[in-house]
Amino acid sequence: MKCTRRAHLYIGLNPDRAYGIFFNTTFWSQFDIGAEKPGVLRMETRGPELDY
C-alpha cells in the first residue's frame, strides 16, 4: 500500500495540560519549534488552503 498523503501532528506538553495541532497538507511544509525564537512555534506551508 502506498501512502500519498502527509499529515503532521505537533504535541505540546505543559505542566497542567497537553495539546496537539494537526497540520494536514500534502504541500511543502516547514516547522520552527523554538529554534529561531525560543517559546515560539512557527508553521508554514505553500499550499493554497490549510486544514488544521
Protein backbone atom coordinates (compact mmCIF):
# COMPACT_ATOMS: atom_id res chain seq x y z
CA MET A 1 0.00 0.00 0.00
CA LYS A 2 1.38 3.41 -0.98
CA CYS A 3 0.71 6.46 1.17
CA THR A 4 0.02 9.59 -0.88
CA ARG A 5 -0.96 11.95 1.95
CA ARG A 6 1.17 13.67 4.53
CA ALA A 7 -0.16 14.86 7.83
CA HIS A 8 1.92 16.29 10.65
CA LEU A 9 0.99 16.30 14.31
CA TYR A 10 2.60 18.56 16.89
CA ILE A 11 2.04 17.60 20.51
CA GLY A 12 2.84 20.09 23.25
CA LEU A 13 3.04 19.41 26.97
CA ASN A 14 2.68 21.97 29.73
CA PRO A 15 2.74 21.22 33.45
CA ASP A 16 -1.07 21.44 33.64
CA ARG A 17 -2.22 20.34 30.16
CA ALA A 18 -1.38 18.68 26.87
CA TYR A 19 -2.44 19.89 23.41
CA GLY A 20 -1.98 18.99 19.76
CA ILE A 21 -2.01 20.69 16.38
CA PHE A 22 -2.86 18.53 13.37
CA PHE A 23 -1.30 20.07 10.24
CA ASN A 24 -2.98 18.34 7.29
CA THR A 25 -1.37 19.20 3.95
CA THR A 26 0.38 17.45 1.07
CA PHE A 27 2.28 20.61 0.11
CA TRP A 28 5.77 21.66 1.19
CA SER A 29 5.76 22.50 4.88
CA GLN A 30 8.26 23.87 7.35
CA PHE A 31 8.21 23.93 11.14
CA ASP A 32 10.30 26.02 13.52
CA ILE A 33 9.78 24.78 17.04
CA GLY A 34 11.67 27.32 19.12
CA ALA A 35 14.91 27.29 17.08
CA GLU A 36 14.72 30.88 15.80
CA LYS A 37 12.82 32.34 18.75
CA PRO A 38 12.60 30.29 21.96
CA GLY A 39 9.00 29.74 23.01
CA VAL A 40 7.60 30.44 19.51
CA LEU A 41 6.10 27.73 17.28
CA ARG A 42 6.00 28.68 13.58
CA MET A 43 4.37 26.55 10.89
CA GLU A 44 4.41 27.39 7.18
CA THR A 45 3.04 25.75 4.04
CA ARG A 46 2.96 26.70 0.37
CA GLY A 47 -0.43 25.18 -0.28
CA PRO A 48 -3.45 27.23 -1.30
CA GLU A 49 -5.52 26.00 1.65
CA LEU A 50 -4.64 24.81 5.13
CA ASP A 51 -6.62 22.26 7.11
CA TYR A 52 -5.63 22.31 10.78
